[in-house]
Amino acid sequence: MDRLRRMVPRISRQRSKQQPDRDNDNNDNADVDHDRRPHALDLLPTLPPRRSPIITAVPSASHVASPDRPDTTTFLTLPYELRYQIYLLVLANRQGLHVDMRYAQATGRPHTTEGAYFHEERWAWRASTCHRDPHVHAAFDRCGLGGPPPTACHLHPETTCAIGADVMGLLLTCRQVYREAVEVLYARNTFYINTGATVLYTERLLVPESAAMVTSLVFTVTTNTVSIFAQEQLKLKPGWEAYAALMGRIPVAFPGLRKLQVIALAARRAGARWEWPTNNILDVIEAPPEDRTANEAVKNKLLGYMDDTVMAYRGQLRETSLVFERDVFDKYVGGDFAAAERTESGENWARYWRQLPLCGYWIQRVPKLVEVWFDMTVDYSTIA
């Protein structure tokens, strides 16, 4: 089967070379079809109509033992406290859960792009467990893309890519188990999101009660997120407007957070070029010469939107950080780090505390993403 998959694109290329005239004749029709195709956002799926009664979670604090009933299963006759400990063992504190609604080519496995050429782009859930080594910073996670170690799933054959039957099988056992266990899944795990649709349209994609249970979130914002994808998939104006819309939605989409990490990366789609700083707000590769005034304005926007997000939680957040790659950190907040009263640093990382009224958050520096991905000599355990 793998051999067949490798042969298909080769055969397609041979056919395209043999029929150039036919392809040229259809160019005009292809352009017309492309123009008529609806915008990706118009195709975004939505939750089905509500069914009554709604299954709601049982608060974890209500440790009330189940009554002994002869018609219940053996598991349900156990005391609630014991069942809750089983839920914790099965559902809680997993390596991490990637839950994303992505507009991309469908693949057979969540962590690989193999076979993607067989399909057109479409909206689909990209849900999976995280195979990232526990010592690797979340900024270098590649579970959603596949790729080189130490984050590629093929290096971890002992664990499945999918969230798995151990999770969904337990939740779907019966209504009572679902009500007792669903809160453990959402509140006792870290969720990783890499696309804007999941944040902007949470109500269409996730049951609001479930989204409100999420207590730990890692949201990665790339240049693609606020430029190409913002325009092509979300009908947002690329640049600061897209960045502001995404950051402002986090407290609305996930009001129950206690831990929040926002990772701003300069990754972008190959061949894409956006002018700085109107559209390309995070990539410093093509930045103009040093200009203190311009740099200060960019810093104020990058940190200002994060400030608003953190303060919207009114002190609810217990652990918060904004992560930049080395170039972005040094260029825009390096001066603040040097002047900060509270700093921490290691071999490959540094961070300083940004104090806000009644709260604050860490601003962290990590190596450049591309260097870490392809430099196998990096000691990941030294990046906190």
Protein backbone atom coordinates (compact mmCIF):
# COMPACT_ATOMS: atom_id res chain seq x y z
CA MET A 1 0.00 0.00 0.00
CA ASP A 2 2.83 2.38 0.84
CA ARG A 3 4.43 1.60 -2.52
CA LEU A 4 1.15 2.46 -4.26
CA ARG A 5 0.94 5.77 -2.42
CA ARG A 6 4.44 6.69 -3.58
CA MET A 7 3.59 5.81 -7.18
CA VAL A 8 0.41 7.86 -7.44
CA PRO A 9 2.01 11.34 -7.56
CA ARG A 10 4.61 10.01 -10.03
CA ILE A 11 1.88 8.72 -12.36
CA SER A 12 0.02 12.00 -12.05
CA ARG A 13 3.11 13.97 -13.07
CA GLN A 14 3.63 11.74 -16.11
CA ARG A 15 0.04 12.22 -17.22
CA SER A 16 0.26 15.97 -16.84
CA LYS A 17 3.32 16.02 -19.08
CA GLN A 18 1.56 13.90 -21.72
CA GLN A 19 -1.54 16.15 -21.84
CA PRO A 20 -0.35 19.79 -21.71
CA ASP A 21 -2.89 21.01 -24.25
CA ARG A 22 -5.81 19.54 -22.37
CA ASP A 23 -4.65 21.15 -19.15
CA ASN A 24 -4.28 24.53 -20.88
CA ASP A 25 -7.76 24.25 -22.36
CA ASN A 26 -9.22 23.81 -18.88
CA ASN A 27 -7.35 26.70 -17.24
CA ASP A 28 -10.15 29.19 -17.81
CA ASN A 29 -12.77 26.82 -16.40
CA ALA A 30 -10.57 26.07 -13.39
CA ASP A 31 -10.28 29.79 -12.65
CA VAL A 32 -14.04 30.19 -12.84
CA ASP A 33 -14.59 27.20 -10.51
CA HIS A 34 -12.09 28.61 -8.04
CA ASP A 35 -13.85 31.98 -8.03
CA ARG A 36 -17.20 30.30 -7.38
CA ARG A 37 -15.89 28.21 -4.51
CA PRO A 38 -17.22 29.51 -1.18
CA HIS A 39 -14.85 31.03 1.35
CA ALA A 40 -13.38 28.52 3.78
CA LEU A 41 -15.15 30.19 6.71
CA ASP A 42 -18.53 29.62 5.05
CA LEU A 43 -17.79 25.89 5.19
CA LEU A 44 -16.83 25.79 8.86
CA PRO A 45 -18.88 23.07 10.56
CA THR A 46 -21.07 23.73 13.56
CA LEU A 47 -22.42 21.70 16.42
CA PRO A 48 -25.72 19.92 15.80
CA PRO A 49 -28.87 21.30 17.44
CA ARG A 50 -29.03 20.80 21.17
CA ARG A 51 -30.64 17.63 22.42
CA SER A 52 -32.67 17.63 25.59
CA PRO A 53 -31.87 16.91 28.31
CA ILE A 54 -28.27 18.17 28.23
CA ILE A 55 -25.73 15.93 29.94
CA THR A 56 -23.90 18.11 32.44
CA ALA A 57 -20.81 17.31 34.44
CA VAL A 58 -20.90 16.39 38.09
CA PRO A 59 -18.68 18.83 40.06
CA SER A 60 -15.57 17.04 41.27
CA ALA A 61 -16.12 18.38 44.79
CA SER A 62 -19.41 16.55 45.18
CA HIS A 63 -17.95 13.25 46.33
CA VAL A 64 -21.20 11.52 47.07
CA ALA A 65 -21.13 7.77 47.04
CA SER A 66 -23.42 6.01 44.58
CA PRO A 67 -26.30 4.17 46.23
CA ASP A 68 -26.14 0.42 46.14
CA ARG A 69 -28.56 -0.72 43.50
CA PRO A 70 -28.76 -4.32 42.32
CA ASP A 71 -29.40 -3.24 38.72
CA THR A 72 -26.15 -1.25 38.36
CA THR A 73 -22.93 -2.60 36.97
CA THR A 74 -20.07 -3.59 39.21
CA PHE A 75 -18.20 -0.39 38.38
CA LEU A 76 -21.11 1.86 39.32
CA THR A 77 -21.58 0.14 42.66
CA LEU A 78 -18.11 1.32 43.70
CA PRO A 79 -18.01 4.39 45.95
CA TYR A 80 -17.82 7.63 43.99
CA GLU A 81 -14.47 8.47 45.58
CA LEU A 82 -12.97 5.29 44.16
CA ARG A 83 -14.51 5.82 40.73
CA TYR A 84 -13.12 9.36 40.72
CA GLN A 85 -9.61 8.05 41.39
CA ILE A 86 -10.02 5.72 38.40
CA TYR A 87 -11.09 8.67 36.25
CA LEU A 88 -7.96 10.53 37.32
CA LEU A 89 -5.72 7.60 36.44
CA VAL A 90 -7.27 7.15 32.99
CA LEU A 91 -8.04 10.72 31.92
CA ALA A 92 -5.96 13.21 33.89
CA ASN A 93 -2.42 14.53 33.48
CA ARG A 94 -1.82 13.17 30.02
CA GLN A 95 1.17 14.50 28.08
CA GLY A 96 -1.16 16.97 26.37
CA LEU A 97 -4.14 17.02 24.04
CA HIS A 98 -4.04 18.66 20.63
CA VAL A 99 -7.53 19.77 19.66
CA ASP A 100 -7.74 21.85 16.51
CA MET A 101 -10.22 22.51 13.75
CA ARG A 102 -7.99 22.89 10.72
CA TYR A 103 -8.60 23.76 7.10
CA ALA A 104 -6.07 21.51 5.42
CA GLN A 105 -5.59 18.34 3.45
CA ALA A 106 -6.88 15.31 5.29
CA THR A 107 -4.32 12.75 6.43
CA GLY A 108 -4.52 9.23 7.74
CA ARG A 109 -2.85 10.00 11.07
CA PRO A 110 -2.98 13.23 13.10
CA HIS A 111 0.80 13.66 13.35
CA THR A 112 1.84 13.18 9.75
CA THR A 113 1.31 14.79 6.35
CA GLU A 114 1.69 11.45 4.55
CA GLY A 115 -1.01 10.91 1.96
CA ALA A 116 -2.20 14.51 2.07
CA TYR A 117 -1.98 14.83 -1.73
CA PHE A 118 -4.99 12.52 -2.07
CA HIS A 119 -7.42 15.13 -0.74
CA GLU A 120 -8.51 18.70 -1.22
CA GLU A 121 -8.40 21.13 1.67
CA ARG A 122 -11.34 20.93 4.02
CA TRP A 123 -12.24 21.57 7.66
CA ALA A 124 -11.49 18.63 9.92
CA TRP A 125 -10.71 18.01 13.55
CA ARG A 126 -7.04 17.37 14.24
CA ALA A 127 -7.28 15.79 17.68
CA SER A 128 -4.48 13.71 19.14
CA THR A 129 -2.40 13.01 22.15
CA CYS A 130 0.96 14.77 22.33
CA HIS A 131 4.13 12.78 21.68
CA ARG A 132 6.47 15.61 22.59
CA ASP A 133 9.25 14.65 24.94
CA PRO A 134 8.38 16.04 28.40
CA HIS A 135 11.69 17.92 28.45
CA VAL A 136 10.95 19.75 25.20
CA HIS A 137 9.40 23.21 25.45
CA ALA A 138 5.93 23.51 23.95
CA ALA A 139 7.31 26.05 21.45
CA PHE A 140 9.11 23.23 19.65
CA ASP A 141 6.18 20.86 19.48
CA ARG A 142 5.57 19.38 16.02
CA CYS A 143 2.86 16.88 16.82
CA GLY A 144 0.40 18.70 14.60
CA LEU A 145 2.78 18.74 11.64
CA GLY A 146 4.92 15.63 11.87
CA GLY A 147 8.61 16.09 11.18
CA PRO A 148 12.05 15.55 12.72
CA PRO A 149 12.63 14.34 16.30
CA PRO A 150 12.13 14.62 19.18
CA THR A 151 8.50 15.50 18.52
CA ALA A 152 7.63 13.25 15.58
CA CYS A 153 5.16 10.52 16.40
CA HIS A 154 7.04 7.80 14.52
CA LEU A 155 9.62 7.88 17.29
CA HIS A 156 7.00 6.93 19.85
CA PRO A 157 5.31 3.79 18.49
CA GLU A 158 4.36 2.71 21.99
CA THR A 159 1.68 5.42 22.17
CA THR A 160 -1.16 5.99 19.75
CA CYS A 161 -1.67 9.22 17.84
CA ALA A 162 -5.40 9.29 18.38
CA ILE A 163 -6.82 10.30 21.74
CA GLY A 164 -7.92 6.70 21.90
CA ALA A 165 -10.50 4.27 23.11
CA ASP A 166 -9.27 4.55 26.69
CA VAL A 167 -10.65 8.10 26.75
CA MET A 168 -13.66 8.03 24.47
CA GLY A 169 -14.59 4.50 25.40
CA LEU A 170 -14.84 5.44 29.06
CA LEU A 171 -16.81 8.64 28.42
CA LEU A 172 -19.28 6.85 26.15
CA THR A 173 -19.94 4.02 28.56
CA CYS A 174 -23.14 5.59 29.91
CA ARG A 175 -24.59 8.94 30.92
CA GLN A 176 -23.58 8.61 34.55
CA VAL A 177 -19.93 7.90 33.76
CA TYR A 178 -19.89 10.76 31.27
CA ARG A 179 -21.26 13.21 33.83
CA GLU A 180 -18.74 12.10 36.43
CA ALA A 181 -15.66 11.89 34.18
CA VAL A 182 -15.94 14.63 31.55
CA GLU A 183 -14.80 17.33 33.94
CA VAL A 184 -11.61 15.36 34.65
CA LEU A 185 -10.75 15.22 30.96
CA TYR A 186 -11.16 18.94 30.36
CA ALA A 187 -9.95 20.34 33.68
CA ARG A 188 -7.00 18.03 34.36
CA ASN A 189 -5.18 18.26 31.00
CA THR A 190 -3.38 20.89 28.95
CA PHE A 191 -4.98 21.62 25.59
CA TYR A 192 -2.85 22.72 22.64
CA ILE A 193 -4.37 24.90 19.92
CA ASN A 194 -2.52 26.07 16.82
CA THR A 195 -5.30 27.52 14.65
CA GLY A 196 -7.50 30.57 14.91
CA ALA A 197 -10.83 28.90 14.10
CA THR A 198 -10.90 26.97 17.37
CA VAL A 199 -10.47 30.19 19.33
CA LEU A 200 -12.66 32.51 17.26
CA TYR A 201 -15.58 30.12 16.81
CA THR A 202 -15.43 28.01 19.96
CA GLU A 203 -19.21 28.07 20.42
CA ARG A 204 -19.70 26.50 16.97
CA LEU A 205 -17.13 23.78 17.55
CA LEU A 206 -17.15 22.91 21.25
CA VAL A 207 -19.96 22.56 23.75
CA PRO A 208 -19.73 25.79 25.81
CA GLU A 209 -19.94 23.87 29.09
CA SER A 210 -16.95 21.77 28.02
CA ALA A 211 -14.87 24.73 26.87
CA ALA A 212 -15.53 26.42 30.21
CA MET A 213 -14.01 23.42 32.03
CA VAL A 214 -10.61 23.86 30.34
CA THR A 215 -8.10 25.12 32.90
CA SER A 216 -4.79 24.89 30.99
CA LEU A 217 -4.21 26.14 27.44
CA VAL A 218 -1.22 26.54 25.13
CA PHE A 219 -2.03 28.71 22.12
CA THR A 220 0.58 28.99 19.36
CA VAL A 221 0.35 32.03 17.09
CA THR A 222 2.48 31.90 13.95
CA THR A 223 2.92 34.40 11.16
CA ASN A 224 0.61 32.18 9.11
CA THR A 225 -2.06 32.47 11.78
CA VAL A 226 -2.20 36.26 11.54
CA SER A 227 -1.55 36.61 7.82
CA ILE A 228 -2.31 33.92 5.25
CA PHE A 229 -4.72 31.84 7.33
CA ALA A 230 -6.43 34.90 8.79
CA GLN A 231 -7.41 36.11 5.33
CA GLU A 232 -7.98 32.80 3.53
CA GLN A 233 -9.79 30.96 6.31
CA LEU A 234 -11.20 33.43 8.84
CA LYS A 235 -12.08 36.57 6.84
CA LEU A 236 -9.82 38.67 9.04
CA LYS A 237 -7.62 41.50 7.90
CA PRO A 238 -4.04 40.20 8.13
CA GLY A 239 -1.73 41.71 10.70
CA TRP A 240 -2.52 43.44 13.95
CA GLU A 241 -6.28 43.17 13.46
CA ALA A 242 -6.06 39.38 13.28
CA TYR A 243 -3.66 39.23 16.24
CA ALA A 244 -5.96 41.43 18.34
CA ALA A 245 -9.03 39.37 17.42
CA LEU A 246 -7.37 36.11 18.45
CA MET A 247 -5.96 37.41 21.72
CA GLY A 248 -9.22 39.09 22.66
CA ARG A 249 -11.18 35.89 22.15
CA ILE A 250 -9.20 33.72 24.56
CA PRO A 251 -10.99 34.88 27.76
CA VAL A 252 -14.37 34.52 26.04
CA ALA A 253 -13.68 31.10 24.55
CA PHE A 254 -12.04 29.63 27.66
CA PRO A 255 -13.25 31.53 30.73
CA GLY A 256 -12.13 28.90 33.24
CA LEU A 257 -8.38 29.02 32.57
CA ARG A 258 -5.86 28.87 35.41
CA LYS A 259 -2.79 28.39 33.18
CA LEU A 260 -2.19 30.13 29.86
CA GLN A 261 0.82 30.08 27.58
CA VAL A 262 0.85 32.06 24.33
CA ILE A 263 3.68 31.19 21.95
CA ALA A 264 4.44 33.68 19.18
CA LEU A 265 6.52 32.03 16.45
CA ALA A 266 7.87 33.33 13.16
CA ALA A 267 6.96 30.18 11.24
CA ARG A 268 5.25 30.82 7.90
CA ARG A 269 4.21 29.01 4.76
CA ALA A 270 6.98 28.48 2.21
CA GLY A 271 6.99 31.11 -0.51
CA ALA A 272 4.80 33.57 1.37
CA ARG A 273 6.11 37.10 1.80
CA TRP A 274 4.38 39.80 3.81
CA GLU A 275 5.58 43.35 4.31
CA TRP A 276 6.71 44.41 7.77
CA PRO A 277 5.22 45.54 10.11
CA THR A 278 1.72 45.98 8.63
CA ASN A 279 1.11 42.30 8.03
CA ASN A 280 4.14 40.33 9.13
CA ILE A 281 4.14 41.27 12.81
CA LEU A 282 6.25 38.45 14.20
CA ASP A 283 8.86 37.64 11.58
CA VAL A 284 12.05 39.67 11.96
CA ILE A 285 13.96 38.01 9.12
CA GLU A 286 13.00 40.77 6.67
CA ALA A 287 12.71 43.56 9.24
CA PRO A 288 14.08 47.01 8.33
CA PRO A 289 17.16 48.49 10.00
CA GLU A 290 16.98 49.18 13.71
CA ASP A 291 14.50 51.91 14.56
CA ARG A 292 13.85 52.45 18.26
CA THR A 293 10.58 54.26 17.73
CA ALA A 294 9.19 51.56 15.41
CA ASN A 295 10.42 48.77 17.66
CA GLU A 296 8.81 50.37 20.71
CA ALA A 297 5.50 50.64 18.88
CA VAL A 298 5.62 46.97 17.88
CA LYS A 299 6.52 45.94 21.44
CA ASN A 300 3.65 47.93 22.89
CA LYS A 301 1.20 46.14 20.59
CA LEU A 302 2.62 42.67 21.14
CA LEU A 303 2.56 43.09 24.92
CA GLY A 304 -0.52 45.29 25.06
CA TYR A 305 -2.85 42.67 23.65
CA MET A 306 -1.38 40.09 26.02
CA ASP A 307 -1.87 42.52 28.92
CA ASP A 308 -5.54 42.89 28.05
CA THR A 309 -6.00 39.13 27.82
CA VAL A 310 -4.37 38.48 31.19
CA MET A 311 -6.25 41.28 32.97
CA ALA A 312 -9.56 40.04 31.55
CA TYR A 313 -9.23 37.05 33.87
CA ARG A 314 -9.13 39.41 36.91
CA GLY A 315 -6.41 37.54 38.75
CA GLN A 316 -7.82 34.10 38.01
CA LEU A 317 -4.71 32.95 36.13
CA ARG A 318 -2.09 31.29 38.30
CA GLU A 319 0.57 30.62 35.68
CA THR A 320 0.91 32.72 32.52
CA SER A 321 3.66 33.26 29.97
CA LEU A 322 4.26 34.84 26.57
CA VAL A 323 7.00 33.09 24.61
CA PHE A 324 9.14 34.61 21.84
CA GLU A 325 11.91 33.21 19.73
CA ARG A 326 15.35 34.66 20.35
CA ASP A 327 15.34 37.26 17.55
CA VAL A 328 11.92 38.67 18.44
CA PHE A 329 12.71 38.72 22.16
CA ASP A 330 16.07 40.46 21.75
CA LYS A 331 14.76 43.00 19.25
CA TYR A 332 11.62 44.09 21.03
CA VAL A 333 11.86 43.26 24.74
CA GLY A 334 15.57 42.76 25.31
CA GLY A 335 15.79 46.17 26.95
CA ASP A 336 12.94 45.36 29.31
CA PHE A 337 14.64 42.11 30.29
CA ALA A 338 17.86 43.96 31.15
CA ALA A 339 15.96 46.44 33.33
CA ALA A 340 13.57 43.97 34.95
CA GLU A 341 13.72 43.37 38.69
CA ARG A 342 12.64 39.74 38.48
CA THR A 343 14.46 37.59 35.95
CA GLU A 344 15.42 33.94 35.49
CA SER A 345 17.72 32.37 32.92
CA GLY A 346 19.40 29.15 31.88
CA GLU A 347 21.68 27.85 29.16
CA ASN A 348 19.15 28.21 26.32
CA TRP A 349 16.39 30.32 27.81
CA ALA A 350 15.64 33.46 29.78
CA ARG A 351 12.54 35.17 31.08
CA TYR A 352 11.43 38.20 33.04
CA TRP A 353 8.30 39.09 34.97
CA ARG A 354 5.96 41.75 33.62
CA GLN A 355 3.91 43.19 36.44
CA LEU A 356 0.35 44.33 35.80
CA PRO A 357 -2.26 45.69 38.23
CA LEU A 358 -3.08 42.81 40.60
CA CYS A 359 -1.44 40.23 38.28
CA GLY A 360 1.39 39.64 35.85
CA TYR A 361 3.03 37.12 33.55
CA TRP A 362 6.39 35.84 32.35
CA ILE A 363 7.90 36.85 29.02
CA GLN A 364 10.24 34.09 27.88
CA ARG A 365 13.05 33.79 25.35
CA VAL A 366 13.71 30.48 23.57
CA PRO A 367 16.00 29.54 20.66
CA LYS A 368 14.86 30.03 17.09
CA LEU A 369 12.46 27.32 16.05
CA VAL A 370 14.24 26.33 12.84
CA GLU A 371 17.54 25.96 14.69
CA VAL A 372 16.08 23.60 17.26
CA TRP A 373 14.18 21.49 14.74
CA PHE A 374 17.26 20.73 12.68
CA ASP A 375 20.02 20.90 15.27
CA MET A 376 20.06 17.50 16.95
CA THR A 377 22.85 18.64 19.30
CA VAL A 378 20.51 20.89 21.27
CA ASP A 379 19.97 19.72 24.82
CA TYR A 380 16.21 20.15 25.14
CA SER A 381 16.28 19.61 28.88
CA THR A 382 18.05 22.98 29.24
CA ILE A 383 15.07 24.85 27.75
CA ALA A 384 12.60 25.38 30.57
